[in-house]
Full PDB file with SEQRES, HELIX, SHEET, SSBOND, CRYST1, ORIGX, SCALE, CONECT and MASTER records, all heavy atoms in Angstrom:
SEQRES   1 A   41  GLY VAL ARG THR LEU ALA PHE LEU GLY VAL VAL SER PHE          
SEQRES   2 A   41  GLY THR LYS LEU LEU GLU GLU CYS LEU ALA ARG PRO LEU          
SEQRES   3 A   41  TRP LEU LEU ALA ALA LEU VAL ALA GLY GLU PHE GLY LEU          
SEQRES   4 A   41  ILE ASN                                                      
HELIX    1 AA1 VAL A    2  CYS A   21  1                                  20    
HELIX    2 AA2 PRO A   25  ILE A   40  1                                  16    
CRYST1    1.000    1.000    1.000  90.00  90.00  90.00 P 1           1          
ORIGX1      1.000000  0.000000  0.000000        0.00000                         
ORIGX2      0.000000  1.000000  0.000000        0.00000                         
ORIGX3      0.000000  0.000000  1.000000        0.00000                         
SCALE1      1.000000  0.000000  0.000000        0.00000                         
SCALE2      0.000000  1.000000  0.000000        0.00000                         
SCALE3      0.000000  0.000000  1.000000        0.00000                         
ATOM      1  N   GLY A   1       3.307  34.021 -13.712  1.00  0.00           N  
ATOM      2  CA  GLY A   1       4.189  33.127 -12.977  1.00  0.00           C  
ATOM      3  C   GLY A   1       4.563  33.691 -11.623  1.00  0.00           C  
ATOM      4  O   GLY A   1       4.512  32.986 -10.599  1.00  0.00           O  
ATOM      5  N   VAL A   2       4.927  34.960 -11.585  1.00  0.00           N  
ATOM      6  CA  VAL A   2       5.287  35.609 -10.325  1.00  0.00           C  
ATOM      7  C   VAL A   2       4.056  35.762  -9.436  1.00  0.00           C  
ATOM      8  O   VAL A   2       4.124  35.575  -8.210  1.00  0.00           O  
ATOM      9  CB  VAL A   2       5.945  36.972 -10.595  1.00  0.00           C  
ATOM     10  CG1 VAL A   2       6.243  37.696  -9.286  1.00  0.00           C  
ATOM     11  CG2 VAL A   2       7.230  36.789 -11.396  1.00  0.00           C  
ATOM     12  N   ARG A   3       2.915  36.089 -10.037  1.00  0.00           N  
ATOM     13  CA  ARG A   3       1.678  36.199  -9.249  1.00  0.00           C  
ATOM     14  C   ARG A   3       1.347  34.862  -8.573  1.00  0.00           C  
ATOM     15  O   ARG A   3       0.957  34.809  -7.403  1.00  0.00           O  
ATOM     16  CB  ARG A   3       0.515  36.615 -10.154  1.00  0.00           C  
ATOM     17  CG  ARG A   3       0.585  38.042 -10.671  1.00  0.00           C  
ATOM     18  CD  ARG A   3      -0.512  38.275 -11.693  1.00  0.00           C  
ATOM     19  NE  ARG A   3      -0.408  39.580 -12.306  1.00  0.00           N  
ATOM     20  CZ  ARG A   3      -1.079  40.654 -11.917  1.00  0.00           C  
ATOM     21  NH1 ARG A   3      -1.900  40.555 -10.896  1.00  0.00           N  
ATOM     22  NH2 ARG A   3      -0.930  41.808 -12.533  1.00  0.00           N  
ATOM     23  N   THR A   4       1.499  33.772  -9.331  1.00  0.00           N  
ATOM     24  CA  THR A   4       1.203  32.461  -8.777  1.00  0.00           C  
ATOM     25  C   THR A   4       2.189  32.100  -7.676  1.00  0.00           C  
ATOM     26  O   THR A   4       1.819  31.495  -6.659  1.00  0.00           O  
ATOM     27  CB  THR A   4       1.238  31.391  -9.881  1.00  0.00           C  
ATOM     28  OG1 THR A   4       0.292  31.741 -10.893  1.00  0.00           O  
ATOM     29  CG2 THR A   4       0.889  30.018  -9.327  1.00  0.00           C  
ATOM     30  N   LEU A   5       3.454  32.474  -7.849  1.00  0.00           N  
ATOM     31  CA  LEU A   5       4.450  32.218  -6.805  1.00  0.00           C  
ATOM     32  C   LEU A   5       4.074  32.959  -5.527  1.00  0.00           C  
ATOM     33  O   LEU A   5       4.182  32.416  -4.424  1.00  0.00           O  
ATOM     34  CB  LEU A   5       5.828  32.658  -7.296  1.00  0.00           C  
ATOM     35  CG  LEU A   5       7.034  32.194  -6.471  1.00  0.00           C  
ATOM     36  CD1 LEU A   5       7.092  30.671  -6.427  1.00  0.00           C  
ATOM     37  CD2 LEU A   5       8.322  32.753  -7.048  1.00  0.00           C  
ATOM     38  N   ALA A   6       3.628  34.202  -5.669  1.00  0.00           N  
ATOM     39  CA  ALA A   6       3.172  34.953  -4.494  1.00  0.00           C  
ATOM     40  C   ALA A   6       1.932  34.321  -3.885  1.00  0.00           C  
ATOM     41  O   ALA A   6       1.784  34.256  -2.648  1.00  0.00           O  
ATOM     42  CB  ALA A   6       2.886  36.402  -4.894  1.00  0.00           C  
ATOM     43  N   PHE A   7       1.042  33.818  -4.743  1.00  0.00           N  
ATOM     44  CA  PHE A   7      -0.168  33.166  -4.245  1.00  0.00           C  
ATOM     45  C   PHE A   7       0.169  31.885  -3.481  1.00  0.00           C  
ATOM     46  O   PHE A   7      -0.474  31.562  -2.475  1.00  0.00           O  
ATOM     47  CB  PHE A   7      -1.112  32.855  -5.403  1.00  0.00           C  
ATOM     48  CG  PHE A   7      -2.408  32.218  -4.983  1.00  0.00           C  
ATOM     49  CD1 PHE A   7      -3.329  32.908  -4.222  1.00  0.00           C  
ATOM     50  CD2 PHE A   7      -2.699  30.910  -5.346  1.00  0.00           C  
ATOM     51  CE1 PHE A   7      -4.517  32.323  -3.823  1.00  0.00           C  
ATOM     52  CE2 PHE A   7      -3.886  30.312  -4.964  1.00  0.00           C  
ATOM     53  CZ  PHE A   7      -4.799  31.024  -4.200  1.00  0.00           C  
ATOM     54  N   LEU A   8       1.179  31.159  -3.950  1.00  0.00           N  
ATOM     55  CA  LEU A   8       1.612  29.965  -3.229  1.00  0.00           C  
ATOM     56  C   LEU A   8       2.123  30.327  -1.834  1.00  0.00           C  
ATOM     57  O   LEU A   8       1.941  29.570  -0.878  1.00  0.00           O  
ATOM     58  CB  LEU A   8       2.709  29.232  -4.014  1.00  0.00           C  
ATOM     59  CG  LEU A   8       2.282  28.525  -5.296  1.00  0.00           C  
ATOM     60  CD1 LEU A   8       3.479  27.866  -5.958  1.00  0.00           C  
ATOM     61  CD2 LEU A   8       1.201  27.500  -5.012  1.00  0.00           C  
ATOM     62  N   GLY A   9       2.765  31.492  -1.717  1.00  0.00           N  
ATOM     63  CA  GLY A   9       3.183  31.953  -0.401  1.00  0.00           C  
ATOM     64  C   GLY A   9       2.003  32.210   0.512  1.00  0.00           C  
ATOM     65  O   GLY A   9       2.017  31.837   1.691  1.00  0.00           O  
ATOM     66  N   VAL A  10       0.949  32.838  -0.038  1.00  0.00           N  
ATOM     67  CA  VAL A  10      -0.261  33.090   0.744  1.00  0.00           C  
ATOM     68  C   VAL A  10      -0.923  31.771   1.141  1.00  0.00           C  
ATOM     69  O   VAL A  10      -1.368  31.595   2.289  1.00  0.00           O  
ATOM     70  CB  VAL A  10      -1.243  33.968  -0.063  1.00  0.00           C  
ATOM     71  CG1 VAL A  10      -2.564  34.130   0.685  1.00  0.00           C  
ATOM     72  CG2 VAL A  10      -0.630  35.340  -0.343  1.00  0.00           C  
ATOM     73  N   VAL A  11      -0.978  30.826   0.184  1.00  0.00           N  
ATOM     74  CA  VAL A  11      -1.576  29.520   0.467  1.00  0.00           C  
ATOM     75  C   VAL A  11      -0.785  28.786   1.553  1.00  0.00           C  
ATOM     76  O   VAL A  11      -1.360  28.175   2.457  1.00  0.00           O  
ATOM     77  CB  VAL A  11      -1.634  28.674  -0.825  1.00  0.00           C  
ATOM     78  CG1 VAL A  11      -1.957  27.218  -0.508  1.00  0.00           C  
ATOM     79  CG2 VAL A  11      -2.680  29.237  -1.774  1.00  0.00           C  
ATOM     80  N   SER A  12       0.538  28.866   1.474  1.00  0.00           N  
ATOM     81  CA  SER A  12       1.375  28.212   2.474  1.00  0.00           C  
ATOM     82  C   SER A  12       1.119  28.792   3.863  1.00  0.00           C  
ATOM     83  O   SER A  12       0.973  28.057   4.852  1.00  0.00           O  
ATOM     84  CB  SER A  12       2.858  28.365   2.110  1.00  0.00           C  
ATOM     85  OG  SER A  12       3.130  27.809   0.834  1.00  0.00           O  
ATOM     86  N   PHE A  13       1.055  30.119   3.944  1.00  0.00           N  
ATOM     87  CA  PHE A  13       0.796  30.781   5.233  1.00  0.00           C  
ATOM     88  C   PHE A  13      -0.577  30.391   5.766  1.00  0.00           C  
ATOM     89  O   PHE A  13      -0.731  30.064   6.952  1.00  0.00           O  
ATOM     90  CB  PHE A  13       0.893  32.293   5.073  1.00  0.00           C  
ATOM     91  CG  PHE A  13       0.555  33.054   6.323  1.00  0.00           C  
ATOM     92  CD1 PHE A  13       1.462  33.160   7.360  1.00  0.00           C  
ATOM     93  CD2 PHE A  13      -0.693  33.664   6.449  1.00  0.00           C  
ATOM     94  CE1 PHE A  13       1.139  33.850   8.523  1.00  0.00           C  
ATOM     95  CE2 PHE A  13      -1.024  34.364   7.602  1.00  0.00           C  
ATOM     96  CZ  PHE A  13      -0.103  34.454   8.642  1.00  0.00           C  
ATOM     97  N   GLY A  14      -1.596  30.410   4.887  1.00  0.00           N  
ATOM     98  CA  GLY A  14      -2.945  30.059   5.321  1.00  0.00           C  
ATOM     99  C   GLY A  14      -3.058  28.619   5.776  1.00  0.00           C  
ATOM    100  O   GLY A  14      -3.737  28.312   6.764  1.00  0.00           O  
ATOM    101  N   THR A  15      -2.377  27.712   5.060  1.00  0.00           N  
ATOM    102  CA  THR A  15      -2.418  26.301   5.448  1.00  0.00           C  
ATOM    103  C   THR A  15      -1.763  26.086   6.803  1.00  0.00           C  
ATOM    104  O   THR A  15      -2.295  25.370   7.670  1.00  0.00           O  
ATOM    105  CB  THR A  15      -1.722  25.443   4.379  1.00  0.00           C  
ATOM    106  OG1 THR A  15      -2.358  25.659   3.110  1.00  0.00           O  
ATOM    107  CG2 THR A  15      -1.788  23.972   4.738  1.00  0.00           C  
ATOM    108  N   LYS A  16      -0.602  26.695   7.004  1.00  0.00           N  
ATOM    109  CA  LYS A  16       0.074  26.559   8.294  1.00  0.00           C  
ATOM    110  C   LYS A  16      -0.740  27.204   9.419  1.00  0.00           C  
ATOM    111  O   LYS A  16      -0.743  26.732  10.563  1.00  0.00           O  
ATOM    112  CB  LYS A  16       1.465  27.189   8.216  1.00  0.00           C  
ATOM    113  CG  LYS A  16       2.431  26.400   7.345  1.00  0.00           C  
ATOM    114  CD  LYS A  16       2.604  24.987   7.860  1.00  0.00           C  
ATOM    115  CE  LYS A  16       3.547  24.173   7.010  1.00  0.00           C  
ATOM    116  NZ  LYS A  16       3.692  22.782   7.501  1.00  0.00           N  
ATOM    117  N   LEU A  17      -1.449  28.289   9.091  1.00  0.00           N  
ATOM    118  CA  LEU A  17      -2.296  28.932  10.096  1.00  0.00           C  
ATOM    119  C   LEU A  17      -3.432  28.008  10.512  1.00  0.00           C  
ATOM    120  O   LEU A  17      -3.778  27.902  11.700  1.00  0.00           O  
ATOM    121  CB  LEU A  17      -2.852  30.245   9.539  1.00  0.00           C  
ATOM    122  CG  LEU A  17      -3.632  31.140  10.510  1.00  0.00           C  
ATOM    123  CD1 LEU A  17      -2.725  31.601  11.642  1.00  0.00           C  
ATOM    124  CD2 LEU A  17      -4.213  32.342   9.774  1.00  0.00           C  
ATOM    125  N   LEU A  18      -4.014  27.297   9.530  1.00  0.00           N  
ATOM    126  CA  LEU A  18      -5.086  26.359   9.853  1.00  0.00           C  
ATOM    127  C   LEU A  18      -4.554  25.182  10.664  1.00  0.00           C  
ATOM    128  O   LEU A  18      -5.255  24.642  11.530  1.00  0.00           O  
ATOM    129  CB  LEU A  18      -5.748  25.861   8.574  1.00  0.00           C  
ATOM    130  CG  LEU A  18      -6.734  26.830   7.909  1.00  0.00           C  
ATOM    131  CD1 LEU A  18      -7.216  26.272   6.583  1.00  0.00           C  
ATOM    132  CD2 LEU A  18      -7.914  27.099   8.838  1.00  0.00           C  
ATOM    133  N   GLU A  19      -3.316  24.772  10.386  1.00  0.00           N  
ATOM    134  CA  GLU A  19      -2.714  23.708  11.194  1.00  0.00           C  
ATOM    135  C   GLU A  19      -2.606  24.145  12.655  1.00  0.00           C  
ATOM    136  O   GLU A  19      -2.814  23.339  13.574  1.00  0.00           O  
ATOM    137  CB  GLU A  19      -1.338  23.336  10.646  1.00  0.00           C  
ATOM    138  CG  GLU A  19      -1.387  22.464   9.413  1.00  0.00           C  
ATOM    139  CD  GLU A  19      -0.012  21.968   9.001  1.00  0.00           C  
ATOM    140  OE1 GLU A  19       0.899  22.801   8.844  1.00  0.00           O  
ATOM    141  OE2 GLU A  19       0.164  20.757   8.833  1.00  0.00           O  
ATOM    142  N   GLU A  20      -2.270  25.417  12.880  1.00  0.00           N  
ATOM    143  CA  GLU A  20      -2.216  25.939  14.245  1.00  0.00           C  
ATOM    144  C   GLU A  20      -3.606  25.989  14.876  1.00  0.00           C  
ATOM    145  O   GLU A  20      -3.769  25.799  16.085  1.00  0.00           O  
ATOM    146  CB  GLU A  20      -1.584  27.333  14.255  1.00  0.00           C  
ATOM    147  CG  GLU A  20      -0.117  27.362  13.866  1.00  0.00           C  
ATOM    148  CD  GLU A  20       0.753  26.632  14.866  1.00  0.00           C  
ATOM    149  OE1 GLU A  20       0.441  26.681  16.083  1.00  0.00           O  
ATOM    150  OE2 GLU A  20       1.729  25.980  14.436  1.00  0.00           O  
ATOM    151  N   CYS A  21      -4.620  26.238  14.028  1.00  0.00           N  
ATOM    152  CA  CYS A  21      -5.994  26.325  14.538  1.00  0.00           C  
ATOM    153  C   CYS A  21      -6.549  24.965  14.949  1.00  0.00           C  
ATOM    154  O   CYS A  21      -7.569  24.905  15.656  1.00  0.00           O  
ATOM    155  CB  CYS A  21      -6.913  26.941  13.479  1.00  0.00           C  
ATOM    156  SG  CYS A  21      -6.610  28.691  13.154  1.00  0.00           S  
ATOM    157  N   LEU A  22      -5.914  23.878  14.479  1.00  0.00           N  
ATOM    158  CA  LEU A  22      -6.424  22.553  14.816  1.00  0.00           C  
ATOM    159  C   LEU A  22      -6.469  22.319  16.317  1.00  0.00           C  
ATOM    160  O   LEU A  22      -7.318  21.580  16.826  1.00  0.00           O  
ATOM    161  CB  LEU A  22      -5.557  21.474  14.145  1.00  0.00           C  
ATOM    162  CG  LEU A  22      -5.648  21.381  12.611  1.00  0.00           C  
ATOM    163  CD1 LEU A  22      -4.658  20.358  12.080  1.00  0.00           C  
ATOM    164  CD2 LEU A  22      -7.069  21.041  12.178  1.00  0.00           C  
ATOM    165  N   ALA A  23      -5.548  22.935  17.047  1.00  0.00           N  
ATOM    166  CA  ALA A  23      -5.502  22.766  18.497  1.00  0.00           C  
ATOM    167  C   ALA A  23      -6.375  23.792  19.220  1.00  0.00           C  
ATOM    168  O   ALA A  23      -6.411  23.794  20.453  1.00  0.00           O  
ATOM    169  CB  ALA A  23      -4.059  22.869  18.997  1.00  0.00           C  
ATOM    170  N   ARG A  24      -7.061  24.650  18.457  1.00  0.00           N  
ATOM    171  CA  ARG A  24      -7.908  25.689  19.064  1.00  0.00           C  
ATOM    172  C   ARG A  24      -9.308  25.555  18.476  1.00  0.00           C  
ATOM    173  O   ARG A  24      -9.574  26.065  17.379  1.00  0.00           O  
ATOM    174  CB  ARG A  24      -7.325  27.077  18.800  1.00  0.00           C  
ATOM    175  CG  ARG A  24      -5.953  27.287  19.443  1.00  0.00           C  
ATOM    176  CD  ARG A  24      -5.302  28.560  18.940  1.00  0.00           C  
ATOM    177  NE  ARG A  24      -4.055  28.853  19.635  1.00  0.00           N  
ATOM    178  CZ  ARG A  24      -2.890  28.288  19.346  1.00  0.00           C  
ATOM    179  NH1 ARG A  24      -2.818  27.388  18.373  1.00  0.00           N  
ATOM    180  NH2 ARG A  24      -1.801  28.593  20.025  1.00  0.00           N  
ATOM    181  N   PRO A  25     -10.220  24.871  19.154  1.00  0.00           N  
ATOM    182  CA  PRO A  25     -11.539  24.578  18.591  1.00  0.00           C  
ATOM    183  C   PRO A  25     -12.311  25.799  18.118  1.00  0.00           C  
ATOM    184  O   PRO A  25     -12.953  25.765  17.076  1.00  0.00           O  
ATOM    185  CB  PRO A  25     -12.266  23.879  19.758  1.00  0.00           C  
ATOM    186  CG  PRO A  25     -11.179  23.339  20.623  1.00  0.00           C  
ATOM    187  CD  PRO A  25     -10.040  24.300  20.494  1.00  0.00           C  
ATOM    188  N   LEU A  26     -12.249  26.901  18.858  1.00  0.00           N  
ATOM    189  CA  LEU A  26     -13.013  28.084  18.475  1.00  0.00           C  
ATOM    190  C   LEU A  26     -12.485  28.688  17.171  1.00  0.00           C  
ATOM    191  O   LEU A  26     -13.265  29.128  16.321  1.00  0.00           O  
ATOM    192  CB  LEU A  26     -12.980  29.119  19.601  1.00  0.00           C  
ATOM    193  CG  LEU A  26     -13.750  28.741  20.875  1.00  0.00           C  
ATOM    194  CD1 LEU A  26     -13.648  29.855  21.911  1.00  0.00           C  
ATOM    195  CD2 LEU A  26     -15.221  28.466  20.542  1.00  0.00           C  
ATOM    196  N   TRP A  27     -11.155  28.703  17.018  1.00  0.00           N  
ATOM    197  CA  TRP A  27     -10.590  29.231  15.782  1.00  0.00           C  
ATOM    198  C   TRP A  27     -10.950  28.333  14.594  1.00  0.00           C  
ATOM    199  O   TRP A  27     -11.263  28.820  13.500  1.00  0.00           O  
ATOM    200  CB  TRP A  27      -9.072  29.350  15.908  1.00  0.00           C  
ATOM    201  CG  TRP A  27      -8.636  30.526  16.713  1.00  0.00           C  
ATOM    202  CD1 TRP A  27      -8.216  30.535  18.012  1.00  0.00           C  
ATOM    203  CD2 TRP A  27      -8.604  31.892  16.283  1.00  0.00           C  
ATOM    204  NE1 TRP A  27      -7.922  31.805  18.422  1.00  0.00           N  
ATOM    205  CE2 TRP A  27      -8.143  32.668  17.376  1.00  0.00           C  
ATOM    206  CE3 TRP A  27      -8.911  32.532  15.098  1.00  0.00           C  
ATOM    207  CZ2 TRP A  27      -7.995  34.046  17.317  1.00  0.00           C  
ATOM    208  CZ3 TRP A  27      -8.764  33.919  15.021  1.00  0.00           C  
ATOM    209  CH2 TRP A  27      -8.309  34.653  16.125  1.00  0.00           C  
ATOM    210  N   LEU A  28     -10.895  27.025  14.809  1.00  0.00           N  
ATOM    211  CA  LEU A  28     -11.251  26.101  13.736  1.00  0.00           C  
ATOM    212  C   LEU A  28     -12.732  26.205  13.386  1.00  0.00           C  
ATOM    213  O   LEU A  28     -13.113  26.137  12.215  1.00  0.00           O  
ATOM    214  CB  LEU A  28     -10.907  24.668  14.144  1.00  0.00           C  
ATOM    215  CG  LEU A  28     -10.938  23.616  13.033  1.00  0.00           C  
ATOM    216  CD1 LEU A  28      -9.946  23.974  11.928  1.00  0.00           C  
ATOM    217  CD2 LEU A  28     -10.631  22.239  13.593  1.00  0.00           C  
ATOM    218  N   LEU A  29     -13.567  26.402  14.385  1.00  0.00           N  
ATOM    219  CA  LEU A  29     -14.995  26.585  14.144  1.00  0.00           C  
ATOM    220  C   LEU A  29     -15.237  27.869  13.353  1.00  0.00           C  
ATOM    221  O   LEU A  29     -16.080  27.908  12.441  1.00  0.00           O  
ATOM    222  CB  LEU A  29     -15.746  26.619  15.471  1.00  0.00           C  
ATOM    223  CG  LEU A  29     -17.268  26.780  15.381  1.00  0.00           C  
ATOM    224  CD1 LEU A  29     -17.881  25.602  14.632  1.00  0.00           C  
ATOM    225  CD2 LEU A  29     -17.874  26.895  16.783  1.00  0.00           C  
ATOM    226  N   ALA A  30     -14.490  28.937  13.688  1.00  0.00           N  
ATOM    227  CA  ALA A  30     -14.620  30.189  12.931  1.00  0.00           C  
ATOM    228  C   ALA A  30     -14.203  30.001  11.472  1.00  0.00           C  
ATOM    229  O   ALA A  30     -14.847  30.527  10.559  1.00  0.00           O  
ATOM    230  CB  ALA A  30     -13.766  31.275  13.589  1.00  0.00           C  
ATOM    231  N   ALA A  31     -13.132  29.219  11.245  1.00  0.00           N  
ATOM    232  CA  ALA A  31     -12.710  28.936   9.877  1.00  0.00           C  
ATOM    233  C   ALA A  31     -13.764  28.137   9.131  1.00  0.00           C  
ATOM    234  O   ALA A  31     -14.007  28.353   7.937  1.00  0.00           O  
ATOM    235  CB  ALA A  31     -11.377  28.187   9.886  1.00  0.00           C  
ATOM    236  N   LEU A  32     -14.415  27.196   9.821  1.00  0.00           N  
ATOM    237  CA  LEU A  32     -15.482  26.406   9.208  1.00  0.00           C  
ATOM    238  C   LEU A  32     -16.647  27.283   8.782  1.00  0.00           C  
ATOM    239  O   LEU A  32     -17.160  27.171   7.660  1.00  0.00           O  
ATOM    240  CB  LEU A  32     -15.946  25.333  10.203  1.00  0.00           C  
ATOM    241  CG  LEU A  32     -17.183  24.521   9.820  1.00  0.00           C  
ATOM    242  CD1 LEU A  32     -16.928  23.745   8.539  1.00  0.00           C  
ATOM    243  CD2 LEU A  32     -17.573  23.574  10.949  1.00  0.00           C  
ATOM    244  N   VAL A  33     -17.067  28.172   9.672  1.00  0.00           N  
ATOM    245  CA  VAL A  33     -18.183  29.075   9.351  1.00  0.00           C  
ATOM    246  C   VAL A  33     -17.806  30.005   8.195  1.00  0.00           C  
ATOM    247  O   VAL A  33     -18.591  30.213   7.262  1.00  0.00           O  
ATOM    248  CB  VAL A  33     -18.593  29.881  10.605  1.00  0.00           C  
ATOM    249  CG1 VAL A  33     -19.635  30.934  10.244  1.00  0.00           C  
ATOM    250  CG2 VAL A  33     -19.131  28.935  11.675  1.00  0.00           C  
ATOM    251  N   ALA A  34     -16.593  30.566   8.238  1.00  0.00           N  
ATOM    252  CA  ALA A  34     -16.152  31.470   7.173  1.00  0.00           C  
ATOM    253  C   ALA A  34     -16.085  30.752   5.823  1.00  0.00           C  
ATOM    254  O   ALA A  34     -16.517  31.289   4.792  1.00  0.00           O  
ATOM    255  CB  ALA A  34     -14.789  32.061   7.531  1.00  0.00           C  
ATOM    256  N   GLY A  35     -15.543  29.522   5.824  1.00  0.00           N  
ATOM    257  CA  GLY A  35     -15.469  28.774   4.576  1.00  0.00           C  
ATOM    258  C   GLY A  35     -16.832  28.424   4.020  1.00  0.00           C  
ATOM    259  O   GLY A  35     -17.067  28.499   2.807  1.00  0.00           O  
ATOM    260  N   GLU A  36     -17.767  28.055   4.893  1.00  0.00           N  
ATOM    261  CA  GLU A  36     -19.114  27.711   4.436  1.00  0.00           C  
ATOM    262  C   GLU A  36     -19.819  28.928   3.842  1.00  0.00           C  
ATOM    263  O   GLU A  36     -20.468  28.836   2.789  1.00  0.00           O  
ATOM    264  CB  GLU A  36     -19.924  27.154   5.613  1.00  0.00           C  
ATOM    265  CG  GLU A  36     -21.200  26.441   5.217  1.00  0.00           C  
ATOM    266  CD  GLU A  36     -20.933  25.142   4.476  1.00  0.00           C  
ATOM    267  OE1 GLU A  36     -19.873  24.532   4.694  1.00  0.00           O  
ATOM    268  OE2 GLU A  36     -21.803  24.756   3.677  1.00  0.00           O  
ATOM    269  N   PHE A  37     -19.667  30.074   4.480  1.00  0.00           N  
ATOM    270  CA  PHE A  37     -20.246  31.295   3.922  1.00  0.00           C  
ATOM    271  C   PHE A  37     -19.564  31.671   2.608  1.00  0.00           C  
ATOM    272  O   PHE A  37     -20.194  32.218   1.703  1.00  0.00           O  
ATOM    273  CB  PHE A  37     -20.151  32.444   4.927  1.00  0.00           C  
ATOM    274  CG  PHE A  37     -21.304  32.508   5.879  1.00  0.00           C  
ATOM    275  CD1 PHE A  37     -21.181  32.045   7.177  1.00  0.00           C  
ATOM    276  CD2 PHE A  37     -22.530  33.010   5.472  1.00  0.00           C  
ATOM    277  CE1 PHE A  37     -22.247  32.084   8.062  1.00  0.00           C  
ATOM    278  CE2 PHE A  37     -23.598  33.058   6.345  1.00  0.00           C  
ATOM    279  CZ  PHE A  37     -23.463  32.596   7.646  1.00  0.00           C  
ATOM    280  N   GLY A  38     -18.254  31.388   2.510  1.00  0.00           N  
ATOM    281  CA  GLY A  38     -17.558  31.637   1.242  1.00  0.00           C  
ATOM    282  C   GLY A  38     -18.121  30.800   0.112  1.00  0.00           C  
ATOM    283  O   GLY A  38     -18.315  31.292  -1.011  1.00  0.00           O  
ATOM    284  N   LEU A  39     -18.416  29.518   0.365  1.00  0.00           N  
ATOM    285  CA  LEU A  39     -19.012  28.661  -0.657  1.00  0.00           C  
ATOM    286  C   LEU A  39     -20.406  29.140  -1.046  1.00  0.00           C  
ATOM    287  O   LEU A  39     -20.786  29.106  -2.223  1.00  0.00           O  
ATOM    288  CB  LEU A  39     -19.075  27.217  -0.147  1.00  0.00           C  
ATOM    289  CG  LEU A  39     -17.737  26.477  -0.050  1.00  0.00           C  
ATOM    290  CD1 LEU A  39     -17.924  25.136   0.634  1.00  0.00           C  
ATOM    291  CD2 LEU A  39     -17.129  26.280  -1.428  1.00  0.00           C  
ATOM    292  N   ILE A  40     -21.174  29.578  -0.069  1.00  0.00           N  
ATOM    293  CA  ILE A  40     -22.508  30.108  -0.363  1.00  0.00           C  
ATOM    294  C   ILE A  40     -22.405  31.357  -1.222  1.00  0.00           C  
ATOM    295  O   ILE A  40     -23.159  31.541  -2.193  1.00  0.00           O  
ATOM    296  CB  ILE A  40     -23.264  30.399   0.947  1.00  0.00           C  
ATOM    297  CG1 ILE A  40     -23.526  29.094   1.706  1.00  0.00           C  
ATOM    298  CG2 ILE A  40     -24.575  31.130   0.664  1.00  0.00           C  
ATOM    299  CD1 ILE A  40     -24.100  29.286   3.090  1.00  0.00           C  
ATOM    300  N   ASN A  41     -21.441  32.231  -0.908  1.00  0.00           N  
ATOM    301  CA  ASN A  41     -21.259  33.448  -1.695  1.00  0.00           C  
ATOM    302  C   ASN A  41     -20.833  33.120  -3.123  1.00  0.00           C  
ATOM    303  O   ASN A  41     -21.296  33.750  -4.083  1.00  0.00           O  
ATOM    304  CB  ASN A  41     -20.207  34.338  -1.037  1.00  0.00           C  
ATOM    305  CG  ASN A  41     -19.956  35.608  -1.821  1.00  0.00           C  
ATOM    306  OD1 ASN A  41     -20.810  36.481  -1.925  1.00  0.00           O  
ATOM    307  ND2 ASN A  41     -18.770  35.721  -2.406  1.00  0.00           N  
TER     308      ASN A  41                                                      
MASTER        0    0    0    2    0    0    0    6  307    1    0    4          
END                                                                             
């Protein structure tokens, strides 16, 4: 339960970070490439 609560904090930070990246095309493109490689892995 505590681990999941901490994970929700990480998810919240990551989601808000991606929202900030929406206005920065290069950062969003880097997130796209990283996510695609993550799925391949």
